[in-house]
Amino acid sequence: MDYKELYNREKNAIIYGQTVRFRIVKYIVLFIIFGLTYKWRGLNDTLFLLGILFVLGILVHFFFRWKSKGWTQSWWLYKHRQ
């Protein structure tokens, strides 16, 4: 597999991996959680939470990539499109 094919697979997963509605709801929920965390615990704890969720997001990305065999097969929530 060359770099261009890898790039196209990742781009396909980014574009079609989540619906627009799911993304909107996800970001609304995240902003509410961060806003409440900031109000309750302050900036340091909010940034700590952001860092933890960032690392978890990357781990979930690679887990889905592994289970979908490099975005070539459908698995659970990810539906492969040609």
N, C-alpha and C. Protein backbone atom coordinates (compact mmCIF):
# COMPACT_ATOMS: atom_id res chain seq x y z
N MET A 1 0.84 -1.17 0.00
CA MET A 1 0.00 0.00 0.00
C MET A 1 0.90 1.24 0.00
N ASP A 2 0.58 2.18 -0.87
CA ASP A 2 1.37 3.40 -0.93
C ASP A 2 0.71 4.49 -0.10
N TYR A 3 1.40 5.62 0.00
CA TYR A 3 0.92 6.72 0.83
C TYR A 3 -0.41 7.27 0.35
N LYS A 4 -0.60 7.37 -0.96
CA LYS A 4 -1.85 7.93 -1.50
C LYS A 4 -3.05 7.05 -1.14
N GLU A 5 -2.89 5.74 -1.23
CA GLU A 5 -3.98 4.82 -0.87
C GLU A 5 -4.30 4.93 0.62
N LEU A 6 -3.27 4.98 1.45
CA LEU A 6 -3.47 5.15 2.90
C LEU A 6 -4.19 6.46 3.19
N TYR A 7 -3.76 7.53 2.53
CA TYR A 7 -4.40 8.84 2.71
C TYR A 7 -5.87 8.79 2.31
N ASN A 8 -6.19 8.16 1.19
CA ASN A 8 -7.58 8.06 0.73
C ASN A 8 -8.43 7.24 1.68
N ARG A 9 -7.89 6.17 2.24
CA ARG A 9 -8.64 5.37 3.22
C ARG A 9 -8.95 6.18 4.48
N GLU A 10 -7.95 6.90 4.97
CA GLU A 10 -8.16 7.72 6.17
C GLU A 10 -9.16 8.83 5.89
N LYS A 11 -9.07 9.45 4.72
CA LYS A 11 -10.00 10.51 4.35
C LYS A 11 -11.42 9.96 4.26
N ASN A 12 -11.59 8.77 3.69
CA ASN A 12 -12.89 8.13 3.60
C ASN A 12 -13.46 7.86 4.99
N ALA A 13 -12.62 7.40 5.90
CA ALA A 13 -13.08 7.12 7.27
C ALA A 13 -13.48 8.41 7.98
N ILE A 14 -12.76 9.50 7.72
CA ILE A 14 -13.10 10.78 8.35
C ILE A 14 -14.42 11.30 7.80
N ILE A 15 -14.60 11.23 6.50
CA ILE A 15 -15.79 11.80 5.88
C ILE A 15 -17.04 10.97 6.17
N TYR A 16 -16.93 9.65 6.06
CA TYR A 16 -18.11 8.80 6.17
C TYR A 16 -18.21 8.02 7.48
N GLY A 17 -17.26 8.18 8.38
CA GLY A 17 -17.25 7.41 9.61
C GLY A 17 -18.35 7.79 10.58
N GLN A 18 -18.79 9.06 10.55
CA GLN A 18 -19.85 9.53 11.43
C GLN A 18 -20.82 10.37 10.61
N THR A 19 -22.09 10.30 10.97
CA THR A 19 -23.07 11.13 10.29
C THR A 19 -22.94 12.57 10.77
N VAL A 20 -23.48 13.48 10.00
CA VAL A 20 -23.44 14.90 10.37
C VAL A 20 -24.21 15.12 11.67
N ARG A 21 -25.35 14.47 11.80
CA ARG A 21 -26.14 14.61 13.02
C ARG A 21 -25.36 14.14 14.25
N PHE A 22 -24.69 12.99 14.12
CA PHE A 22 -23.89 12.47 15.23
C PHE A 22 -22.79 13.46 15.61
N ARG A 23 -22.11 14.04 14.61
CA ARG A 23 -21.03 14.99 14.89
C ARG A 23 -21.56 16.23 15.60
N ILE A 24 -22.71 16.75 15.16
CA ILE A 24 -23.28 17.94 15.80
C ILE A 24 -23.61 17.65 17.25
N VAL A 25 -24.29 16.54 17.50
CA VAL A 25 -24.65 16.18 18.88
C VAL A 25 -23.39 15.94 19.71
N LYS A 26 -22.40 15.28 19.13
CA LYS A 26 -21.15 15.00 19.84
C LYS A 26 -20.48 16.28 20.30
N TYR A 27 -20.36 17.26 19.41
CA TYR A 27 -19.68 18.49 19.77
C TYR A 27 -20.50 19.34 20.74
N ILE A 28 -21.81 19.32 20.63
CA ILE A 28 -22.65 20.01 21.61
C ILE A 28 -22.44 19.42 23.00
N VAL A 29 -22.46 18.09 23.08
CA VAL A 29 -22.25 17.41 24.37
C VAL A 29 -20.86 17.70 24.91
N LEU A 30 -19.84 17.67 24.06
CA LEU A 30 -18.48 17.96 24.51
C LEU A 30 -18.35 19.40 25.02
N PHE A 31 -18.93 20.38 24.31
CA PHE A 31 -18.86 21.76 24.77
C PHE A 31 -19.58 21.94 26.10
N ILE A 32 -20.71 21.27 26.29
CA ILE A 32 -21.42 21.35 27.57
C ILE A 32 -20.56 20.75 28.68
N ILE A 33 -19.97 19.58 28.42
CA ILE A 33 -19.12 18.93 29.43
C ILE A 33 -17.93 19.81 29.77
N PHE A 34 -17.27 20.38 28.76
CA PHE A 34 -16.11 21.24 29.02
C PHE A 34 -16.52 22.52 29.75
N GLY A 35 -17.66 23.09 29.37
CA GLY A 35 -18.14 24.29 30.05
C GLY A 35 -18.45 24.04 31.51
N LEU A 36 -19.13 22.93 31.79
CA LEU A 36 -19.45 22.60 33.18
C LEU A 36 -18.20 22.25 33.97
N THR A 37 -17.26 21.55 33.35
CA THR A 37 -16.00 21.22 34.03
C THR A 37 -15.21 22.48 34.33
N TYR A 38 -15.19 23.41 33.38
CA TYR A 38 -14.48 24.68 33.61
C TYR A 38 -15.10 25.46 34.76
N LYS A 39 -16.43 25.51 34.77
CA LYS A 39 -17.12 26.26 35.83
C LYS A 39 -16.93 25.59 37.19
N TRP A 40 -16.91 24.26 37.21
CA TRP A 40 -16.82 23.52 38.46
C TRP A 40 -15.39 23.41 38.98
N ARG A 41 -14.43 23.07 38.11
CA ARG A 41 -13.07 22.76 38.55
C ARG A 41 -11.99 23.71 38.05
N GLY A 42 -12.29 24.52 37.03
CA GLY A 42 -11.30 25.47 36.55
C GLY A 42 -10.59 25.02 35.28
N LEU A 43 -9.67 25.87 34.82
CA LEU A 43 -9.00 25.66 33.54
C LEU A 43 -8.09 24.43 33.54
N ASN A 44 -7.31 24.24 34.60
CA ASN A 44 -6.36 23.11 34.63
C ASN A 44 -7.06 21.77 34.50
N ASP A 45 -8.13 21.57 35.25
CA ASP A 45 -8.84 20.29 35.17
C ASP A 45 -9.56 20.13 33.84
N THR A 46 -10.03 21.24 33.26
CA THR A 46 -10.67 21.17 31.95
C THR A 46 -9.66 20.75 30.89
N LEU A 47 -8.46 21.33 30.94
CA LEU A 47 -7.41 20.95 29.99
C LEU A 47 -6.97 19.51 30.21
N PHE A 48 -6.92 19.07 31.47
CA PHE A 48 -6.58 17.68 31.77
C PHE A 48 -7.62 16.74 31.16
N LEU A 49 -8.91 17.08 31.32
CA LEU A 49 -9.99 16.27 30.73
C LEU A 49 -9.88 16.26 29.21
N LEU A 50 -9.59 17.41 28.62
CA LEU A 50 -9.43 17.48 27.18
C LEU A 50 -8.29 16.58 26.72
N GLY A 51 -7.17 16.57 27.44
CA GLY A 51 -6.04 15.71 27.10
C GLY A 51 -6.39 14.24 27.19
N ILE A 52 -7.10 13.86 28.25
CA ILE A 52 -7.51 12.46 28.41
C ILE A 52 -8.44 12.04 27.27
N LEU A 53 -9.42 12.88 26.95
CA LEU A 53 -10.35 12.54 25.87
C LEU A 53 -9.65 12.51 24.51
N PHE A 54 -8.65 13.36 24.33
CA PHE A 54 -7.87 13.35 23.09
C PHE A 54 -7.13 12.01 22.93
N VAL A 55 -6.49 11.57 23.99
CA VAL A 55 -5.76 10.29 23.94
C VAL A 55 -6.74 9.13 23.73
N LEU A 56 -7.87 9.15 24.43
CA LEU A 56 -8.87 8.09 24.25
C LEU A 56 -9.41 8.09 22.82
N GLY A 57 -9.60 9.26 22.23
CA GLY A 57 -10.08 9.35 20.85
C GLY A 57 -9.09 8.73 19.87
N ILE A 58 -7.81 8.98 20.09
CA ILE A 58 -6.79 8.38 19.22
C ILE A 58 -6.77 6.87 19.39
N LEU A 59 -6.88 6.40 20.63
CA LEU A 59 -6.89 4.96 20.87
C LEU A 59 -8.11 4.30 20.21
N VAL A 60 -9.26 4.92 20.31
CA VAL A 60 -10.47 4.38 19.67
C VAL A 60 -10.30 4.37 18.15
N HIS A 61 -9.69 5.44 17.61
CA HIS A 61 -9.44 5.48 16.17
C HIS A 61 -8.59 4.29 15.72
N PHE A 62 -7.49 4.04 16.41
CA PHE A 62 -6.62 2.93 16.02
C PHE A 62 -7.27 1.58 16.29
N PHE A 63 -8.11 1.49 17.31
CA PHE A 63 -8.83 0.24 17.57
C PHE A 63 -9.79 -0.05 16.41
N PHE A 64 -10.55 0.96 15.98
CA PHE A 64 -11.45 0.76 14.85
C PHE A 64 -10.68 0.45 13.58
N ARG A 65 -9.53 1.10 13.42
CA ARG A 65 -8.71 0.85 12.23
C ARG A 65 -8.22 -0.60 12.22
N TRP A 66 -7.84 -1.09 13.38
CA TRP A 66 -7.37 -2.48 13.50
C TRP A 66 -8.52 -3.45 13.23
N LYS A 67 -9.68 -3.22 13.85
CA LYS A 67 -10.81 -4.14 13.69
C LYS A 67 -11.40 -4.09 12.27
N SER A 68 -11.28 -2.96 11.57
CA SER A 68 -11.82 -2.86 10.22
C SER A 68 -10.75 -3.19 9.17
N LYS A 69 -9.63 -3.73 9.64
CA LYS A 69 -8.53 -4.13 8.76
C LYS A 69 -8.07 -2.96 7.88
N GLY A 70 -7.75 -1.84 8.53
CA GLY A 70 -7.26 -0.67 7.81
C GLY A 70 -8.33 0.02 6.99
N TRP A 71 -9.56 0.07 7.50
CA TRP A 71 -10.70 0.71 6.86
C TRP A 71 -11.13 0.00 5.58
N THR A 72 -10.83 -1.30 5.44
CA THR A 72 -11.22 -2.03 4.23
C THR A 72 -12.46 -2.89 4.44
N GLN A 73 -12.89 -3.08 5.70
CA GLN A 73 -14.06 -3.90 6.00
C GLN A 73 -14.94 -3.17 7.00
N SER A 74 -16.25 -3.42 6.92
CA SER A 74 -17.16 -2.86 7.91
C SER A 74 -16.97 -3.59 9.23
N TRP A 75 -17.09 -2.84 10.31
CA TRP A 75 -17.04 -3.43 11.64
C TRP A 75 -17.81 -2.54 12.59
N TRP A 76 -18.77 -3.10 13.29
CA TRP A 76 -19.63 -2.46 14.28
C TRP A 76 -20.21 -1.17 13.74
N LEU A 77 -19.80 0.02 14.23
CA LEU A 77 -20.39 1.28 13.78
C LEU A 77 -19.81 1.77 12.45
N TYR A 78 -18.65 1.29 12.07
CA TYR A 78 -18.02 1.73 10.83
C TYR A 78 -18.53 0.90 9.67
N LYS A 79 -19.07 1.58 8.65
CA LYS A 79 -19.56 0.90 7.44
C LYS A 79 -18.65 1.29 6.29
N HIS A 80 -18.00 0.28 5.71
CA HIS A 80 -17.06 0.53 4.60
C HIS A 80 -17.80 0.93 3.34
N ARG A 81 -17.30 1.97 2.66
CA ARG A 81 -17.87 2.42 1.39
C ARG A 81 -16.79 2.45 0.35
N GLN A 82 -17.11 2.06 -0.84
CA GLN A 82 -16.16 2.08 -1.95
C GLN A 82 -16.30 3.36 -2.72
